[in-house]
């Protein structure tokens, strides 16, 4: 995917590859005062140095988009044929979105090929173990990171009270039935944050940080993360802003700890705290006040 005309996304030379500077390997240089020889200054190391390129990440993102589009079309067509023969394809698709069990199945169906794509790209193309390459690095202080996610949720809850948060969103209606609510809550603290962190903080963040630096890497990986969730909340800008902040915090944790496992735990802590609050206030999802879930499911 990379080309000489577009080198900005290409992987940088690794240790043992090309010299880090034009003077490397040419021996010592005399000091300006004629004293002892000194070595040429080494080139600064990049913030991140993944083996894959930005073009690899763009290709995976495009294939994910194609997979989701094909799955949505297939789900709507099957639903139209089996349950809603009198509806148009668009109307059948809307009915599918309101059935949590179909949503869960579709998410799992999407996650499997997406995971295989990421693994194939890292291990098949670059011959590097996937978990080591994305810097999973499971932390020792797991409970502290889970607690950080919970504190983040409580802090943003105060922030949300100052914003025009949506009171009735498509996502909340998926929790109308207790069994559906528990299934979606389980997805929100397991496969959901795992796949999102692997892509946004495992694959996307490193190539952005290598090219633009840590700060821009964190910000620009949080932006598509927030945009991905906007349809769940009726494209409300306030909800998108809250999710953007969550993405920034997860990105900062990833950058500080060099561990996707750490950002995953923060993500789980955030979703898990909101699930616990929702269960407590709804007596086990049996009474759902509008707006209670907020930005649950990130």
C-alpha atoms as a PDB file:
ATOM      1  CA  UNK A   1       0.000   0.000   0.000  1.00  0.00           C
ATOM      2  CA  UNK A   2       2.892   2.363   0.676  1.00  0.00           C
ATOM      3  CA  UNK A   3       4.571   4.157  -2.179  1.00  0.00           C
ATOM      4  CA  UNK A   4       7.531   6.508  -2.641  1.00  0.00           C
ATOM      5  CA  UNK A   5       5.055   9.337  -3.257  1.00  0.00           C
ATOM      6  CA  UNK A   6       3.295   8.681   0.070  1.00  0.00           C
ATOM      7  CA  UNK A   7       5.988   7.743   2.594  1.00  0.00           C
ATOM      8  CA  UNK A   8       4.355   9.318   5.613  1.00  0.00           C
ATOM      9  CA  UNK A   9       2.603   6.117   6.710  1.00  0.00           C
ATOM     10  CA  UNK A  10       5.538   3.776   6.106  1.00  0.00           C
ATOM     11  CA  UNK A  11       7.142   1.949   9.042  1.00  0.00           C
ATOM     12  CA  UNK A  12      10.325   3.569  10.278  1.00  0.00           C
ATOM     13  CA  UNK A  13      13.699   1.726  10.094  1.00  0.00           C
ATOM     14  CA  UNK A  14      14.239  -0.592  13.041  1.00  0.00           C
ATOM     15  CA  UNK A  15      17.296  -1.401  15.048  1.00  0.00           C
ATOM     16  CA  UNK A  16      19.750  -3.252  12.884  1.00  0.00           C
ATOM     17  CA  UNK A  17      18.333  -1.690   9.718  1.00  0.00           C
ATOM     18  CA  UNK A  18      19.424   1.566   8.104  1.00  0.00           C
ATOM     19  CA  UNK A  19      21.662   3.934  10.072  1.00  0.00           C
ATOM     20  CA  UNK A  20      19.807   6.297  12.357  1.00  0.00           C
ATOM     21  CA  UNK A  21      21.800   9.240  10.984  1.00  0.00           C
ATOM     22  CA  UNK A  22      24.105   9.899   8.012  1.00  0.00           C
ATOM     23  CA  UNK A  23      27.094   9.876  10.382  1.00  0.00           C
ATOM     24  CA  UNK A  24      26.325   6.581  12.100  1.00  0.00           C
ATOM     25  CA  UNK A  25      28.916   3.932  11.460  1.00  0.00           C
ATOM     26  CA  UNK A  26      31.541   6.457  10.250  1.00  0.00           C
ATOM     27  CA  UNK A  27      33.556   6.345  13.447  1.00  0.00           C
ATOM     28  CA  UNK A  28      34.313   8.994  16.097  1.00  0.00           C
ATOM     29  CA  UNK A  29      34.677  12.690  15.348  1.00  0.00           C
ATOM     30  CA  UNK A  30      37.192  15.069  16.862  1.00  0.00           C
ATOM     31  CA  UNK A  31      35.864  17.431  19.462  1.00  0.00           C
ATOM     32  CA  UNK A  32      35.728  21.123  18.435  1.00  0.00           C
ATOM     33  CA  UNK A  33      38.593  21.951  20.822  1.00  0.00           C
ATOM     34  CA  UNK A  34      40.773  19.201  19.393  1.00  0.00           C
ATOM     35  CA  UNK A  35      40.404  17.018  22.468  1.00  0.00           C
ATOM     36  CA  UNK A  36      39.186  13.465  22.768  1.00  0.00           C
ATOM     37  CA  UNK A  37      37.018  12.166  19.907  1.00  0.00           C
ATOM     38  CA  UNK A  38      33.288  12.151  20.406  1.00  0.00           C
ATOM     39  CA  UNK A  39      30.570  10.112  18.768  1.00  0.00           C
ATOM     40  CA  UNK A  40      28.004  11.637  16.438  1.00  0.00           C
ATOM     41  CA  UNK A  41      24.660  12.348  18.148  1.00  0.00           C
ATOM     42  CA  UNK A  42      22.112   9.584  17.696  1.00  0.00           C
ATOM     43  CA  UNK A  43      18.831  10.338  15.988  1.00  0.00           C
ATOM     44  CA  UNK A  44      15.875  10.602  18.391  1.00  0.00           C
ATOM     45  CA  UNK A  45      13.770   7.481  18.671  1.00  0.00           C
ATOM     46  CA  UNK A  46      10.097   7.727  17.622  1.00  0.00           C
ATOM     47  CA  UNK A  47       7.399   7.694  20.305  1.00  0.00           C
ATOM     48  CA  UNK A  48       6.070   4.455  18.819  1.00  0.00           C
ATOM     49  CA  UNK A  49       7.597   2.185  16.213  1.00  0.00           C
ATOM     50  CA  UNK A  50       5.070  -0.452  15.039  1.00  0.00           C
ATOM     51  CA  UNK A  51       6.049  -2.835  12.268  1.00  0.00           C
ATOM     52  CA  UNK A  52       2.893  -2.041  10.276  1.00  0.00           C
ATOM     53  CA  UNK A  53       2.160   1.128   8.340  1.00  0.00           C
ATOM     54  CA  UNK A  54      -0.737   3.541   8.326  1.00  0.00           C
ATOM     55  CA  UNK A  55      -1.826   2.092   4.990  1.00  0.00           C
ATOM     56  CA  UNK A  56      -2.263  -1.278   6.681  1.00  0.00           C
ATOM     57  CA  UNK A  57      -4.574   0.295   9.257  1.00  0.00           C
ATOM     58  CA  UNK A  58      -6.551   2.113   6.554  1.00  0.00           C
ATOM     59  CA  UNK A  59      -6.961  -1.135   4.655  1.00  0.00           C
ATOM     60  CA  UNK A  60      -8.289  -2.923   7.745  1.00  0.00           C
ATOM     61  CA  UNK A  61     -10.673  -0.019   8.443  1.00  0.00           C
ATOM     62  CA  UNK A  62     -11.968  -0.226   4.863  1.00  0.00           C
ATOM     63  CA  UNK A  63     -12.461  -3.988   5.086  1.00  0.00           C
ATOM     64  CA  UNK A  64     -14.302  -3.566   8.402  1.00  0.00           C
ATOM     65  CA  UNK A  65     -16.614  -1.043   6.738  1.00  0.00           C
ATOM     66  CA  UNK A  66     -17.292  -3.503   3.915  1.00  0.00           C
ATOM     67  CA  UNK A  67     -17.947  -6.335   6.379  1.00  0.00           C
ATOM     68  CA  UNK A  68     -20.397  -4.247   8.407  1.00  0.00           C
ATOM     69  CA  UNK A  69     -22.223  -3.089   5.269  1.00  0.00           C
ATOM     70  CA  UNK A  70     -22.541  -6.620   3.905  1.00  0.00           C
ATOM     71  CA  UNK A  71     -23.691  -7.971   7.274  1.00  0.00           C
ATOM     72  CA  UNK A  72     -26.308  -5.238   7.685  1.00  0.00           C
ATOM     73  CA  UNK A  73     -27.671  -5.921   4.220  1.00  0.00           C
ATOM     74  CA  UNK A  74     -27.726  -9.681   4.788  1.00  0.00           C
ATOM     75  CA  UNK A  75     -29.405  -9.314   8.209  1.00  0.00           C
ATOM     76  CA  UNK A  76     -32.083  -7.023   6.798  1.00  0.00           C
ATOM     77  CA  UNK A  77     -32.713  -9.343   3.844  1.00  0.00           C
ATOM     78  CA  UNK A  78     -33.023 -12.425   6.063  1.00  0.00           C
ATOM     79  CA  UNK A  79     -35.339 -10.573   8.454  1.00  0.00           C
ATOM     80  CA  UNK A  80     -37.479  -9.393   5.536  1.00  0.00           C
ATOM     81  CA  UNK A  81     -37.801 -12.921   4.152  1.00  0.00           C
ATOM     82  CA  UNK A  82     -38.522 -14.651   7.479  1.00  0.00           C
ATOM     83  CA  UNK A  83     -40.383 -12.137   9.651  1.00  0.00           C
ATOM     84  CA  UNK A  84     -41.281  -8.957   7.775  1.00  0.00           C
ATOM     85  CA  UNK A  85     -42.290  -9.913   4.200  1.00  0.00           C
ATOM     86  CA  UNK A  86     -44.563  -6.882   3.876  1.00  0.00           C
ATOM     87  CA  UNK A  87     -41.882  -4.384   4.824  1.00  0.00           C
ATOM     88  CA  UNK A  88     -39.296  -2.746   2.629  1.00  0.00           C
ATOM     89  CA  UNK A  89     -35.656  -3.685   3.085  1.00  0.00           C
ATOM     90  CA  UNK A  90     -35.022  -0.410   4.940  1.00  0.00           C
ATOM     91  CA  UNK A  91     -37.933  -1.022   7.326  1.00  0.00           C
ATOM     92  CA  UNK A  92     -36.721  -4.565   7.971  1.00  0.00           C
ATOM     93  CA  UNK A  93     -33.263  -3.215   8.751  1.00  0.00           C
ATOM     94  CA  UNK A  94     -34.779  -0.859  11.341  1.00  0.00           C
ATOM     95  CA  UNK A  95     -36.544  -3.796  12.987  1.00  0.00           C
ATOM     96  CA  UNK A  96     -33.275  -5.754  13.155  1.00  0.00           C
ATOM     97  CA  UNK A  97     -31.617  -2.840  14.974  1.00  0.00           C
ATOM     98  CA  UNK A  98     -34.330  -3.005  17.646  1.00  0.00           C
ATOM     99  CA  UNK A  99     -33.714  -6.680  18.415  1.00  0.00           C
ATOM    100  CA  UNK A 100     -30.778  -6.972  20.847  1.00  0.00           C
ATOM    101  CA  UNK A 101     -30.205 -10.669  20.265  1.00  0.00           C
ATOM    102  CA  UNK A 102     -29.674  -9.996  16.558  1.00  0.00           C
ATOM    103  CA  UNK A 103     -27.357  -7.116  17.432  1.00  0.00           C
ATOM    104  CA  UNK A 104     -25.273  -9.352  19.684  1.00  0.00           C
ATOM    105  CA  UNK A 105     -25.043 -12.073  17.043  1.00  0.00           C
ATOM    106  CA  UNK A 106     -24.085  -9.552  14.369  1.00  0.00           C
ATOM    107  CA  UNK A 107     -21.413  -8.020  16.614  1.00  0.00           C
ATOM    108  CA  UNK A 108     -19.849 -11.412  17.255  1.00  0.00           C
ATOM    109  CA  UNK A 109     -20.019 -12.269  13.556  1.00  0.00           C
ATOM    110  CA  UNK A 110     -18.191  -9.012  12.793  1.00  0.00           C
ATOM    111  CA  UNK A 111     -15.607  -9.403  15.564  1.00  0.00           C
ATOM    112  CA  UNK A 112     -14.375 -12.792  14.343  1.00  0.00           C
ATOM    113  CA  UNK A 113     -13.249 -11.721  10.834  1.00  0.00           C
ATOM    114  CA  UNK A 114     -11.992  -8.374  12.169  1.00  0.00           C
ATOM    115  CA  UNK A 115      -9.783 -10.160  14.703  1.00  0.00           C
ATOM    116  CA  UNK A 116      -8.525 -12.514  12.003  1.00  0.00           C
ATOM    117  CA  UNK A 117      -7.740  -9.549   9.743  1.00  0.00           C
ATOM    118  CA  UNK A 118      -5.664  -7.828  12.415  1.00  0.00           C
ATOM    119  CA  UNK A 119      -3.800 -11.012  13.297  1.00  0.00           C
ATOM    120  CA  UNK A 120      -3.187 -11.861   9.635  1.00  0.00           C
ATOM    121  CA  UNK A 121      -1.815  -8.395   8.972  1.00  0.00           C
ATOM    122  CA  UNK A 122       0.625  -8.453  11.900  1.00  0.00           C
ATOM    123  CA  UNK A 123       1.669 -12.101  11.939  1.00  0.00           C
ATOM    124  CA  UNK A 124       1.139 -13.016   8.290  1.00  0.00           C
ATOM    125  CA  UNK A 125       2.661  -9.936   6.683  1.00  0.00           C
ATOM    126  CA  UNK A 126       5.275  -8.939   9.255  1.00  0.00           C
ATOM    127  CA  UNK A 127       5.877 -12.270  11.041  1.00  0.00           C
ATOM    128  CA  UNK A 128       5.651 -10.778  14.527  1.00  0.00           C
ATOM    129  CA  UNK A 129       3.566 -12.254  17.386  1.00  0.00           C
ATOM    130  CA  UNK A 130       0.317 -10.269  17.462  1.00  0.00           C
ATOM    131  CA  UNK A 131      -0.071  -9.673  21.201  1.00  0.00           C
ATOM    132  CA  UNK A 132       3.527  -8.586  21.587  1.00  0.00           C
ATOM    133  CA  UNK A 133       3.336  -6.329  18.531  1.00  0.00           C
ATOM    134  CA  UNK A 134       0.254  -4.429  19.759  1.00  0.00           C
ATOM    135  CA  UNK A 135       1.839  -4.204  23.225  1.00  0.00           C
ATOM    136  CA  UNK A 136      -0.870  -6.012  25.138  1.00  0.00           C
ATOM    137  CA  UNK A 137       1.449  -6.147  28.202  1.00  0.00           C
ATOM    138  CA  UNK A 138      -1.106  -7.126  30.841  1.00  0.00           C
ATOM    139  CA  UNK A 139      -0.488  -4.794  33.838  1.00  0.00           C
ATOM    140  CA  UNK A 140       0.051  -5.871  37.411  1.00  0.00           C
ATOM    141  CA  UNK A 141      -2.192  -3.159  38.870  1.00  0.00           C
ATOM    142  CA  UNK A 142      -5.348  -4.286  37.064  1.00  0.00           C
ATOM    143  CA  UNK A 143      -7.705  -3.200  39.838  1.00  0.00           C
ATOM    144  CA  UNK A 144      -6.256   0.316  39.872  1.00  0.00           C
ATOM    145  CA  UNK A 145      -6.979   0.695  36.174  1.00  0.00           C
ATOM    146  CA  UNK A 146     -10.504  -0.669  36.568  1.00  0.00           C
ATOM    147  CA  UNK A 147     -11.004   1.841  39.384  1.00  0.00           C
ATOM    148  CA  UNK A 148      -9.680   4.617  37.130  1.00  0.00           C
ATOM    149  CA  UNK A 149     -12.348   3.745  34.588  1.00  0.00           C
ATOM    150  CA  UNK A 150     -15.016   3.842  37.291  1.00  0.00           C
ATOM    151  CA  UNK A 151     -13.819   7.219  38.562  1.00  0.00           C
ATOM    152  CA  UNK A 152     -13.812   8.500  34.988  1.00  0.00           C
ATOM    153  CA  UNK A 153     -17.465   7.507  34.639  1.00  0.00           C
ATOM    154  CA  UNK A 154     -18.431   9.277  37.865  1.00  0.00           C
ATOM    155  CA  UNK A 155     -16.480  12.385  36.878  1.00  0.00           C
ATOM    156  CA  UNK A 156     -18.015  12.556  33.421  1.00  0.00           C
ATOM    157  CA  UNK A 157     -21.465  12.050  34.938  1.00  0.00           C
ATOM    158  CA  UNK A 158     -21.019  15.426  36.630  1.00  0.00           C
ATOM    159  CA  UNK A 159     -19.809  16.902  33.340  1.00  0.00           C
ATOM    160  CA  UNK A 160     -22.826  15.434  31.523  1.00  0.00           C
ATOM    161  CA  UNK A 161     -25.180  17.335  33.831  1.00  0.00           C
ATOM    162  CA  UNK A 162     -23.864  20.563  32.278  1.00  0.00           C
ATOM    163  CA  UNK A 163     -24.454  19.414  28.699  1.00  0.00           C
ATOM    164  CA  UNK A 164     -27.652  18.905  26.681  1.00  0.00           C
ATOM    165  CA  UNK A 165     -27.404  15.126  26.796  1.00  0.00           C
ATOM    166  CA  UNK A 166     -29.976  13.129  24.779  1.00  0.00           C
ATOM    167  CA  UNK A 167     -32.811  11.719  26.888  1.00  0.00           C
ATOM    168  CA  UNK A 168     -34.049   9.098  24.448  1.00  0.00           C
ATOM    169  CA  UNK A 169     -31.533   7.309  22.240  1.00  0.00           C
ATOM    170  CA  UNK A 170     -31.701   4.236  19.982  1.00  0.00           C
ATOM    171  CA  UNK A 171     -29.186   2.465  22.192  1.00  0.00           C
ATOM    172  CA  UNK A 172     -31.285   2.796  25.329  1.00  0.00           C
ATOM    173  CA  UNK A 173     -34.202   0.966  23.742  1.00  0.00           C
ATOM    174  CA  UNK A 174     -31.997  -2.110  23.429  1.00  0.00           C
ATOM    175  CA  UNK A 175     -32.194  -2.340  27.239  1.00  0.00           C
ATOM    176  CA  UNK A 176     -35.975  -2.375  27.418  1.00  0.00           C
ATOM    177  CA  UNK A 177     -36.091  -6.079  28.350  1.00  0.00           C
ATOM    178  CA  UNK A 178     -33.999  -7.368  31.288  1.00  0.00           C
ATOM    179  CA  UNK A 179     -32.558 -10.398  29.460  1.00  0.00           C
ATOM    180  CA  UNK A 180     -31.501  -8.278  26.492  1.00  0.00           C
ATOM    181  CA  UNK A 181     -30.034  -5.706  28.858  1.00  0.00           C
ATOM    182  CA  UNK A 182     -27.857  -8.273  30.633  1.00  0.00           C
ATOM    183  CA  UNK A 183     -26.631  -9.735  27.337  1.00  0.00           C
ATOM    184  CA  UNK A 184     -25.689  -6.302  25.992  1.00  0.00           C
ATOM    185  CA  UNK A 185     -24.070  -5.346  29.286  1.00  0.00           C
ATOM    186  CA  UNK A 186     -21.930  -8.487  29.097  1.00  0.00           C
ATOM    187  CA  UNK A 187     -20.893  -7.566  25.562  1.00  0.00           C
ATOM    188  CA  UNK A 188     -20.062  -4.023  26.705  1.00  0.00           C
ATOM    189  CA  UNK A 189     -17.523  -5.218  29.285  1.00  0.00           C
ATOM    190  CA  UNK A 190     -15.918  -8.024  27.259  1.00  0.00           C
ATOM    191  CA  UNK A 191     -15.679  -8.249  23.473  1.00  0.00           C
ATOM    192  CA  UNK A 192     -16.757  -4.670  22.800  1.00  0.00           C
ATOM    193  CA  UNK A 193     -13.926  -2.853  24.602  1.00  0.00           C
ATOM    194  CA  UNK A 194     -11.436  -5.578  23.656  1.00  0.00           C
ATOM    195  CA  UNK A 195     -11.934  -5.154  19.909  1.00  0.00           C
ATOM    196  CA  UNK A 196     -12.137  -1.375  20.106  1.00  0.00           C
ATOM    197  CA  UNK A 197      -8.929  -1.070  22.120  1.00  0.00           C
ATOM    198  CA  UNK A 198      -7.053  -3.467  19.855  1.00  0.00           C
ATOM    199  CA  UNK A 199      -7.932  -1.379  16.822  1.00  0.00           C
ATOM    200  CA  UNK A 200      -7.887   2.208  18.114  1.00  0.00           C
ATOM    201  CA  UNK A 201      -5.118   1.981  20.719  1.00  0.00           C
ATOM    202  CA  UNK A 202      -3.343  -1.144  19.436  1.00  0.00           C
ATOM    203  CA  UNK A 203      -3.130  -0.482  15.689  1.00  0.00           C
ATOM    204  CA  UNK A 204      -4.157   3.126  14.977  1.00  0.00           C
ATOM    205  CA  UNK A 205      -2.521   5.033  17.838  1.00  0.00           C
ATOM    206  CA  UNK A 206       1.055   3.764  17.238  1.00  0.00           C
ATOM    207  CA  UNK A 207       1.200   4.850  13.577  1.00  0.00           C
ATOM    208  CA  UNK A 208      -0.231   8.272  14.425  1.00  0.00           C
ATOM    209  CA  UNK A 209       2.140   8.736  17.371  1.00  0.00           C
ATOM    210  CA  UNK A 210       5.129   7.709  15.259  1.00  0.00           C
ATOM    211  CA  UNK A 211       4.329  10.298  12.625  1.00  0.00           C
ATOM    212  CA  UNK A 212       2.770  13.143  14.650  1.00  0.00           C
ATOM    213  CA  UNK A 213       3.851  12.588  18.239  1.00  0.00           C
ATOM    214  CA  UNK A 214       2.122  11.392  21.391  1.00  0.00           C
ATOM    215  CA  UNK A 215      -0.408  14.214  21.791  1.00  0.00           C
ATOM    216  CA  UNK A 216      -1.755  14.081  18.241  1.00  0.00           C
ATOM    217  CA  UNK A 217      -1.692  10.295  18.334  1.00  0.00           C
ATOM    218  CA  UNK A 218      -3.944  10.278  21.391  1.00  0.00           C
ATOM    219  CA  UNK A 219      -6.318  12.926  20.024  1.00  0.00           C
ATOM    220  CA  UNK A 220      -6.631  11.560  16.494  1.00  0.00           C
ATOM    221  CA  UNK A 221      -7.205   7.984  17.667  1.00  0.00           C
ATOM    222  CA  UNK A 222      -9.925   9.200  20.064  1.00  0.00           C
ATOM    223  CA  UNK A 223     -11.790  11.070  17.301  1.00  0.00           C
ATOM    224  CA  UNK A 224     -12.864   8.086  15.153  1.00  0.00           C
ATOM    225  CA  UNK A 225     -13.530   6.174  18.371  1.00  0.00           C
ATOM    226  CA  UNK A 226     -16.122   8.815  19.289  1.00  0.00           C
ATOM    227  CA  UNK A 227     -17.553   9.032  15.775  1.00  0.00           C
ATOM    228  CA  UNK A 228     -18.084   5.263  15.747  1.00  0.00           C
ATOM    229  CA  UNK A 229     -20.507   5.550  18.676  1.00  0.00           C
ATOM    230  CA  UNK A 230     -22.476   8.580  17.493  1.00  0.00           C
ATOM    231  CA  UNK A 231     -25.269   6.631  15.719  1.00  0.00           C
ATOM    232  CA  UNK A 232     -26.113   4.914  19.023  1.00  0.00           C
ATOM    233  CA  UNK A 233     -26.962   8.310  20.515  1.00  0.00           C
ATOM    234  CA  UNK A 234     -28.814   9.916  17.623  1.00  0.00           C
ATOM    235  CA  UNK A 235     -25.691  11.852  16.532  1.00  0.00           C
ATOM    236  CA  UNK A 236     -25.924  14.102  19.590  1.00  0.00           C
ATOM    237  CA  UNK A 237     -22.763  16.203  19.812  1.00  0.00           C
ATOM    238  CA  UNK A 238     -22.771  16.217  23.634  1.00  0.00           C
ATOM    239  CA  UNK A 239     -22.712  12.427  23.785  1.00  0.00           C
ATOM    240  CA  UNK A 240     -19.936  12.379  21.181  1.00  0.00           C
ATOM    241  CA  UNK A 241     -17.905  14.832  23.279  1.00  0.00           C
ATOM    242  CA  UNK A 242     -18.170  12.609  26.363  1.00  0.00           C
ATOM    243  CA  UNK A 243     -17.064   9.548  24.397  1.00  0.00           C
ATOM    244  CA  UNK A 244     -14.207  11.574  22.889  1.00  0.00           C
ATOM    245  CA  UNK A 245     -12.961  12.328  26.412  1.00  0.00           C
ATOM    246  CA  UNK A 246     -13.145   8.615  27.258  1.00  0.00           C
ATOM    247  CA  UNK A 247     -11.036   7.910  24.161  1.00  0.00           C
ATOM    248  CA  UNK A 248      -8.477  10.515  25.203  1.00  0.00           C
ATOM    249  CA  UNK A 249      -8.110   9.013  28.667  1.00  0.00           C
ATOM    250  CA  UNK A 250      -7.724   5.496  27.249  1.00  0.00           C
ATOM    251  CA  UNK A 251      -5.145   6.850  24.801  1.00  0.00           C
ATOM    252  CA  UNK A 252      -3.175   8.584  27.539  1.00  0.00           C
ATOM    253  CA  UNK A 253      -3.134   5.392  29.591  1.00  0.00           C
ATOM    254  CA  UNK A 254      -1.942   3.464  26.533  1.00  0.00           C
ATOM    255  CA  UNK A 255       0.802   6.033  25.894  1.00  0.00           C
ATOM    256  CA  UNK A 256       1.916   6.193  29.534  1.00  0.00           C
ATOM    257  CA  UNK A 257       1.966   2.450  30.213  1.00  0.00           C
ATOM    258  CA  UNK A 258       2.829   1.252  26.676  1.00  0.00           C
ATOM    259  CA  UNK A 259       0.081  -1.300  27.206  1.00  0.00           C
ATOM    260  CA  UNK A 260      -3.176  -1.910  25.348  1.00  0.00           C
ATOM    261  CA  UNK A 261      -4.120  -4.195  28.214  1.00  0.00           C
ATOM    262  CA  UNK A 262      -4.112  -1.132  30.470  1.00  0.00           C
ATOM    263  CA  UNK A 263      -6.372   0.953  28.240  1.00  0.00           C
ATOM    264  CA  UNK A 264      -8.677  -2.068  27.896  1.00  0.00           C
ATOM    265  CA  UNK A 265      -9.055  -2.262  31.685  1.00  0.00           C
ATOM    266  CA  UNK A 266      -9.873   1.452  31.916  1.00  0.00           C
ATOM    267  CA  UNK A 267     -12.468   0.966  29.176  1.00  0.00           C
ATOM    268  CA  UNK A 268     -13.964  -2.011  31.016  1.00  0.00           C
ATOM    269  CA  UNK A 269     -13.975  -0.082  34.290  1.00  0.00           C
ATOM    270  CA  UNK A 270     -15.888   2.781  32.678  1.00  0.00           C
ATOM    271  CA  UNK A 271     -18.522   0.539  31.098  1.00  0.00           C
ATOM    272  CA  UNK A 272     -18.680  -1.719  34.126  1.00  0.00           C
ATOM    273  CA  UNK A 273     -19.315   1.136  36.551  1.00  0.00           C
ATOM    274  CA  UNK A 274     -22.191   2.396  34.448  1.00  0.00           C
ATOM    275  CA  UNK A 275     -23.625  -1.108  34.256  1.00  0.00           C
ATOM    276  CA  UNK A 276     -23.468  -1.484  38.037  1.00  0.00           C
ATOM    277  CA  UNK A 277     -25.196   1.878  38.504  1.00  0.00           C
ATOM    278  CA  UNK A 278     -27.860   0.975  35.948  1.00  0.00           C
ATOM    279  CA  UNK A 279     -28.556  -2.386  37.612  1.00  0.00           C
ATOM    280  CA  UNK A 280     -28.790  -0.772  41.038  1.00  0.00           C
ATOM    281  CA  UNK A 281     -31.113   2.052  39.996  1.00  0.00           C
ATOM    282  CA  UNK A 282     -33.350  -0.100  37.789  1.00  0.00           C
ATOM    283  CA  UNK A 283     -33.649  -3.082  40.130  1.00  0.00           C
ATOM    284  CA  UNK A 284     -32.011  -5.387  37.629  1.00  0.00           C
ATOM    285  CA  UNK A 285     -33.031  -3.546  34.422  1.00  0.00           C
ATOM    286  CA  UNK A 286     -36.714  -3.870  35.299  1.00  0.00           C
ATOM    287  CA  UNK A 287     -37.391  -0.119  35.299  1.00  0.00           C
ATOM    288  CA  UNK A 288     -35.359   2.059  32.914  1.00  0.00           C
ATOM    289  CA  UNK A 289     -35.711   5.841  33.340  1.00  0.00           C
ATOM    290  CA  UNK A 290     -34.910   7.788  30.169  1.00  0.00           C
ATOM    291  CA  UNK A 291     -31.339   8.962  29.919  1.00  0.00           C
ATOM    292  CA  UNK A 292     -29.999   6.736  32.703  1.00  0.00           C
ATOM    293  CA  UNK A 293     -27.567   4.847  30.488  1.00  0.00           C
ATOM    294  CA  UNK A 294     -26.020   8.013  29.102  1.00  0.00           C
ATOM    295  CA  UNK A 295     -23.006   6.919  27.075  1.00  0.00           C
ATOM    296  CA  UNK A 296     -23.019   3.323  28.224  1.00  0.00           C
ATOM    297  CA  UNK A 297     -21.545   0.849  25.776  1.00  0.00           C
ATOM    298  CA  UNK A 298     -18.411   2.690  24.661  1.00  0.00           C
END
